[in-house]
Amino acid sequence: MFKTNVGGVDRIARIVAGLVLLALAVTGTVGAWGYVGLVPLATGLLSTCPLYSVLGFNTCPLKG
């Protein structure tokens, strides 16, 4: 469906950052804006980033 353009370290960093932001939002530490962590979490789990597609970036070593 979507072209895979997120790979390796980028993918792991997105998932970790997303989980951290969501945890901070749930605990009330950073407020509601922490739910923006859903974006990096989703792009990391799906291995695709629409912004990367628009800008022509690709951190995935495999063609897909």
PDB file of N, CA and C in Angstrom:
ATOM      1  N   MET A   1       0.833  -1.193   0.000  1.00  0.00           N
ATOM      2  CA  MET A   1       0.000   0.000   0.000  1.00  0.00           C
ATOM      3  C   MET A   1       0.879   1.259   0.000  1.00  0.00           C
ATOM      4  N   PHE A   2       1.717   1.398   1.021  1.00  0.00           N
ATOM      5  CA  PHE A   2       2.621   2.542   1.094  1.00  0.00           C
ATOM      6  C   PHE A   2       4.037   2.065   0.850  1.00  0.00           C
ATOM      7  N   LYS A   3       4.850   2.928   0.276  1.00  0.00           N
ATOM      8  CA  LYS A   3       6.246   2.594   0.027  1.00  0.00           C
ATOM      9  C   LYS A   3       7.023   2.645   1.338  1.00  0.00           C
ATOM     10  N   THR A   4       7.798   1.602   1.606  1.00  0.00           N
ATOM     11  CA  THR A   4       8.631   1.558   2.804  1.00  0.00           C
ATOM     12  C   THR A   4       9.798   2.516   2.610  1.00  0.00           C
ATOM     13  N   ASN A   5       9.882   3.524   3.479  1.00  0.00           N
ATOM     14  CA  ASN A   5      10.971   4.488   3.368  1.00  0.00           C
ATOM     15  C   ASN A   5      11.593   4.839   4.719  1.00  0.00           C
ATOM     16  N   VAL A   6      11.243   4.064   5.749  1.00  0.00           N
ATOM     17  CA  VAL A   6      11.811   4.262   7.085  1.00  0.00           C
ATOM     18  C   VAL A   6      12.442   2.935   7.499  1.00  0.00           C
ATOM     19  N   GLY A   7      13.710   2.957   7.816  1.00  0.00           N
ATOM     20  CA  GLY A   7      14.362   1.712   8.178  1.00  0.00           C
ATOM     21  C   GLY A   7      15.319   1.860   9.337  1.00  0.00           C
ATOM     22  N   GLY A   8      15.724   0.740   9.867  1.00  0.00           N
ATOM     23  CA  GLY A   8      16.768   0.636  10.876  1.00  0.00           C
ATOM     24  C   GLY A   8      16.631   1.526  12.087  1.00  0.00           C
ATOM     25  N   VAL A   9      17.681   2.293  12.312  1.00  0.00           N
ATOM     26  CA  VAL A   9      17.770   3.159  13.486  1.00  0.00           C
ATOM     27  C   VAL A   9      16.660   4.208  13.473  1.00  0.00           C
ATOM     28  N   ASP A  10      16.333   4.712  12.317  1.00  0.00           N
ATOM     29  CA  ASP A  10      15.259   5.709  12.180  1.00  0.00           C
ATOM     30  C   ASP A  10      13.945   5.142  12.706  1.00  0.00           C
ATOM     31  N   ARG A  11      13.649   3.917  12.338  1.00  0.00           N
ATOM     32  CA  ARG A  11      12.402   3.269  12.754  1.00  0.00           C
ATOM     33  C   ARG A  11      12.357   3.093  14.279  1.00  0.00           C
ATOM     34  N   ILE A  12      13.451   2.599  14.848  1.00  0.00           N
ATOM     35  CA  ILE A  12      13.518   2.388  16.293  1.00  0.00           C
ATOM     36  C   ILE A  12      13.403   3.713  17.039  1.00  0.00           C
ATOM     37  N   ALA A  13      14.084   4.744  16.547  1.00  0.00           N
ATOM     38  CA  ALA A  13      14.027   6.062  17.187  1.00  0.00           C
ATOM     39  C   ALA A  13      12.610   6.627  17.166  1.00  0.00           C
ATOM     40  N   ARG A  14      11.893   6.439  16.068  1.00  0.00           N
ATOM     41  CA  ARG A  14      10.521   6.920  15.968  1.00  0.00           C
ATOM     42  C   ARG A  14       9.610   6.206  16.967  1.00  0.00           C
ATOM     43  N   ILE A  15       9.764   4.893  17.063  1.00  0.00           N
ATOM     44  CA  ILE A  15       8.926   4.119  17.980  1.00  0.00           C
ATOM     45  C   ILE A  15       9.198   4.520  19.424  1.00  0.00           C
ATOM     46  N   VAL A  16      10.461   4.632  19.783  1.00  0.00           N
ATOM     47  CA  VAL A  16      10.825   5.013  21.156  1.00  0.00           C
ATOM     48  C   VAL A  16      10.334   6.428  21.470  1.00  0.00           C
ATOM     49  N   ALA A  17      10.572   7.367  20.561  1.00  0.00           N
ATOM     50  CA  ALA A  17      10.138   8.751  20.787  1.00  0.00           C
ATOM     51  C   ALA A  17       8.620   8.828  20.911  1.00  0.00           C
ATOM     52  N   GLY A  18       7.916   8.094  20.078  1.00  0.00           N
ATOM     53  CA  GLY A  18       6.459   8.088  20.141  1.00  0.00           C
ATOM     54  C   GLY A  18       5.952   7.541  21.455  1.00  0.00           C
ATOM     55  N   LEU A  19       6.535   6.432  21.903  1.00  0.00           N
ATOM     56  CA  LEU A  19       6.111   5.839  23.178  1.00  0.00           C
ATOM     57  C   LEU A  19       6.412   6.754  24.360  1.00  0.00           C
ATOM     58  N   VAL A  20       7.575   7.392  24.321  1.00  0.00           N
ATOM     59  CA  VAL A  20       7.942   8.320  25.410  1.00  0.00           C
ATOM     60  C   VAL A  20       6.967   9.496  25.453  1.00  0.00           C
ATOM     61  N   LEU A  21       6.693  10.101  24.307  1.00  0.00           N
ATOM     62  CA  LEU A  21       5.754  11.230  24.276  1.00  0.00           C
ATOM     63  C   LEU A  21       4.370  10.817  24.748  1.00  0.00           C
ATOM     64  N   LEU A  22       3.910   9.659  24.324  1.00  0.00           N
ATOM     65  CA  LEU A  22       2.590   9.191  24.765  1.00  0.00           C
ATOM     66  C   LEU A  22       2.569   8.926  26.265  1.00  0.00           C
ATOM     67  N   ALA A  23       3.631   8.333  26.788  1.00  0.00           N
ATOM     68  CA  ALA A  23       3.698   8.075  28.225  1.00  0.00           C
ATOM     69  C   ALA A  23       3.687   9.384  29.013  1.00  0.00           C
ATOM     70  N   LEU A  24       4.419  10.377  28.526  1.00  0.00           N
ATOM     71  CA  LEU A  24       4.434  11.678  29.201  1.00  0.00           C
ATOM     72  C   LEU A  24       3.068  12.355  29.129  1.00  0.00           C
ATOM     73  N   ALA A  25       2.367  12.172  28.018  1.00  0.00           N
ATOM     74  CA  ALA A  25       1.032  12.764  27.880  1.00  0.00           C
ATOM     75  C   ALA A  25       0.032  12.082  28.806  1.00  0.00           C
ATOM     76  N   VAL A  26       0.104  10.759  28.871  1.00  0.00           N
ATOM     77  CA  VAL A  26      -0.831   9.998  29.714  1.00  0.00           C
ATOM     78  C   VAL A  26      -0.626  10.333  31.188  1.00  0.00           C
ATOM     79  N   THR A  27       0.624  10.531  31.595  1.00  0.00           N
ATOM     80  CA  THR A  27       0.892  10.849  32.998  1.00  0.00           C
ATOM     81  C   THR A  27       0.659  12.328  33.313  1.00  0.00           C
ATOM     82  N   GLY A  28       0.379  13.128  32.293  1.00  0.00           N
ATOM     83  CA  GLY A  28       0.117  14.547  32.508  1.00  0.00           C
ATOM     84  C   GLY A  28       1.362  15.400  32.620  1.00  0.00           C
ATOM     85  N   THR A  29       2.505  14.840  32.340  1.00  0.00           N
ATOM     86  CA  THR A  29       3.765  15.567  32.460  1.00  0.00           C
ATOM     87  C   THR A  29       3.912  16.667  31.424  1.00  0.00           C
ATOM     88  N   VAL A  30       3.517  16.404  30.184  1.00  0.00           N
ATOM     89  CA  VAL A  30       3.698  17.386  29.117  1.00  0.00           C
ATOM     90  C   VAL A  30       2.385  17.955  28.588  1.00  0.00           C
ATOM     91  N   GLY A  31       1.289  17.464  29.039  1.00  0.00           N
ATOM     92  CA  GLY A  31       0.008  17.967  28.554  1.00  0.00           C
ATOM     93  C   GLY A  31      -0.441  17.233  27.299  1.00  0.00           C
ATOM     94  N   ALA A  32      -1.505  17.732  26.725  1.00  0.00           N
ATOM     95  CA  ALA A  32      -2.153  17.056  25.594  1.00  0.00           C
ATOM     96  C   ALA A  32      -1.297  17.041  24.336  1.00  0.00           C
ATOM     97  N   TRP A  33      -0.373  18.000  24.172  1.00  0.00           N
ATOM     98  CA  TRP A  33       0.428  18.009  22.948  1.00  0.00           C
ATOM     99  C   TRP A  33       1.303  16.762  22.841  1.00  0.00           C
ATOM    100  N   GLY A  34       1.501  16.049  23.934  1.00  0.00           N
ATOM    101  CA  GLY A  34       2.292  14.818  23.913  1.00  0.00           C
ATOM    102  C   GLY A  34       1.662  13.729  23.065  1.00  0.00           C
ATOM    103  N   TYR A  35       0.369  13.849  22.792  1.00  0.00           N
ATOM    104  CA  TYR A  35      -0.305  12.862  21.952  1.00  0.00           C
ATOM    105  C   TYR A  35       0.151  12.951  20.497  1.00  0.00           C
ATOM    106  N   VAL A  36       0.922  13.970  20.176  1.00  0.00           N
ATOM    107  CA  VAL A  36       1.529  14.036  18.851  1.00  0.00           C
ATOM    108  C   VAL A  36       2.507  12.862  18.683  1.00  0.00           C
ATOM    109  N   GLY A  37       2.833  12.192  19.774  1.00  0.00           N
ATOM    110  CA  GLY A  37       3.668  11.000  19.739  1.00  0.00           C
ATOM    111  C   GLY A  37       3.053   9.871  18.925  1.00  0.00           C
ATOM    112  N   LEU A  38       1.773   9.969  18.653  1.00  0.00           N
ATOM    113  CA  LEU A  38       1.121   8.971  17.803  1.00  0.00           C
ATOM    114  C   LEU A  38       1.702   8.989  16.391  1.00  0.00           C
ATOM    115  N   VAL A  39       2.128  10.149  15.932  1.00  0.00           N
ATOM    116  CA  VAL A  39       2.658  10.274  14.568  1.00  0.00           C
ATOM    117  C   VAL A  39       3.968   9.503  14.410  1.00  0.00           C
ATOM    118  N   PRO A  40       4.999   9.774  15.223  1.00  0.00           N
ATOM    119  CA  PRO A  40       6.228   8.989  15.043  1.00  0.00           C
ATOM    120  C   PRO A  40       6.027   7.508  15.358  1.00  0.00           C
ATOM    121  N   LEU A  41       5.151   7.196  16.304  1.00  0.00           N
ATOM    122  CA  LEU A  41       4.876   5.794  16.610  1.00  0.00           C
ATOM    123  C   LEU A  41       4.274   5.086  15.402  1.00  0.00           C
ATOM    124  N   ALA A  42       3.288   5.699  14.786  1.00  0.00           N
ATOM    125  CA  ALA A  42       2.641   5.091  13.614  1.00  0.00           C
ATOM    126  C   ALA A  42       3.610   4.971  12.439  1.00  0.00           C
ATOM    127  N   THR A  43       4.382   6.018  12.172  1.00  0.00           N
ATOM    128  CA  THR A  43       5.311   5.955  11.038  1.00  0.00           C
ATOM    129  C   THR A  43       6.413   4.932  11.294  1.00  0.00           C
ATOM    130  N   GLY A  44       6.807   4.766  12.546  1.00  0.00           N
ATOM    131  CA  GLY A  44       7.808   3.752  12.875  1.00  0.00           C
ATOM    132  C   GLY A  44       7.258   2.344  12.741  1.00  0.00           C
ATOM    133  N   LEU A  45       6.048   2.128  13.232  1.00  0.00           N
ATOM    134  CA  LEU A  45       5.448   0.803  13.153  1.00  0.00           C
ATOM    135  C   LEU A  45       5.108   0.413  11.719  1.00  0.00           C
ATOM    136  N   LEU A  46       4.708   1.379  10.917  1.00  0.00           N
ATOM    137  CA  LEU A  46       4.331   1.099   9.535  1.00  0.00           C
ATOM    138  C   LEU A  46       5.523   1.166   8.565  1.00  0.00           C
ATOM    139  N   SER A  47       6.658   1.662   9.037  1.00  0.00           N
ATOM    140  CA  SER A  47       7.879   1.821   8.229  1.00  0.00           C
ATOM    141  C   SER A  47       7.673   2.709   7.009  1.00  0.00           C
ATOM    142  N   THR A  48       6.769   3.653   7.135  1.00  0.00           N
ATOM    143  CA  THR A  48       6.546   4.587   6.041  1.00  0.00           C
ATOM    144  C   THR A  48       6.242   5.968   6.604  1.00  0.00           C
ATOM    145  N   CYS A  49       6.761   6.985   5.926  1.00  0.00           N
ATOM    146  CA  CYS A  49       6.551   8.358   6.358  1.00  0.00           C
ATOM    147  C   CYS A  49       6.117   9.190   5.150  1.00  0.00           C
ATOM    148  N   PRO A  50       4.898   9.719   5.180  1.00  0.00           N
ATOM    149  CA  PRO A  50       4.431  10.530   4.054  1.00  0.00           C
ATOM    150  C   PRO A  50       5.327  11.739   3.770  1.00  0.00           C
ATOM    151  N   LEU A  51       5.847  12.369   4.800  1.00  0.00           N
ATOM    152  CA  LEU A  51       6.724  13.521   4.596  1.00  0.00           C
ATOM    153  C   LEU A  51       8.016  13.107   3.886  1.00  0.00           C
ATOM    154  N   TYR A  52       8.556  11.953   4.241  1.00  0.00           N
ATOM    155  CA  TYR A  52       9.739  11.445   3.551  1.00  0.00           C
ATOM    156  C   TYR A  52       9.438  11.252   2.066  1.00  0.00           C
ATOM    157  N   SER A  53       8.249  10.743   1.758  1.00  0.00           N
ATOM    158  CA  SER A  53       7.868  10.535   0.360  1.00  0.00           C
ATOM    159  C   SER A  53       7.840  11.856  -0.401  1.00  0.00           C
ATOM    160  N   VAL A  54       7.267  12.880   0.217  1.00  0.00           N
ATOM    161  CA  VAL A  54       7.166  14.199  -0.418  1.00  0.00           C
ATOM    162  C   VAL A  54       8.549  14.802  -0.642  1.00  0.00           C
ATOM    163  N   LEU A  55       9.433  14.638   0.353  1.00  0.00           N
ATOM    164  CA  LEU A  55      10.760  15.238   0.273  1.00  0.00           C
ATOM    165  C   LEU A  55      11.793  14.352  -0.437  1.00  0.00           C
ATOM    166  N   GLY A  56      11.408  13.114  -0.738  1.00  0.00           N
ATOM    167  CA  GLY A  56      12.306  12.216  -1.453  1.00  0.00           C
ATOM    168  C   GLY A  56      13.341  11.535  -0.577  1.00  0.00           C
ATOM    169  N   PHE A  57      13.132  11.486   0.745  1.00  0.00           N
ATOM    170  CA  PHE A  57      14.051  10.819   1.653  1.00  0.00           C
ATOM    171  C   PHE A  57      13.733   9.341   1.733  1.00  0.00           C
ATOM    172  N   ASN A  58      14.757   8.545   2.054  1.00  0.00           N
ATOM    173  CA  ASN A  58      14.569   7.118   2.239  1.00  0.00           C
ATOM    174  C   ASN A  58      15.700   6.614   3.132  1.00  0.00           C
ATOM    175  N   THR A  59      15.361   6.121   4.322  1.00  0.00           N
ATOM    176  CA  THR A  59      16.375   5.577   5.220  1.00  0.00           C
ATOM    177  C   THR A  59      16.347   4.058   5.254  1.00  0.00           C
ATOM    178  N   CYS A  60      15.512   3.475   4.437  1.00  0.00           N
ATOM    179  CA  CYS A  60      15.403   2.016   4.350  1.00  0.00           C
ATOM    180  C   CYS A  60      16.381   1.512   3.286  1.00  0.00           C
ATOM    181  N   PRO A  61      17.263   0.573   3.661  1.00  0.00           N
ATOM    182  CA  PRO A  61      18.247   0.096   2.702  1.00  0.00           C
ATOM    183  C   PRO A  61      17.648  -0.791   1.595  1.00  0.00           C
ATOM    184  N   LEU A  62      16.439  -1.303   1.811  1.00  0.00           N
ATOM    185  CA  LEU A  62      15.800  -2.171   0.830  1.00  0.00           C
ATOM    186  C   LEU A  62      14.923  -1.356  -0.112  1.00  0.00           C
ATOM    187  N   LYS A  63      14.842  -1.787  -1.321  1.00  0.00           N
ATOM    188  CA  LYS A  63      13.943  -1.133  -2.278  1.00  0.00           C
ATOM    189  C   LYS A  63      12.542  -1.687  -2.047  1.00  0.00           C
ATOM    190  N   GLY A  64      11.562  -0.771  -1.861  1.00  0.00           N
ATOM    191  CA  GLY A  64      10.214  -1.283  -1.620  1.00  0.00           C
ATOM    192  C   GLY A  64       9.152  -0.300  -1.882  1.00  0.00           C
TER     193      GLY A  64
END
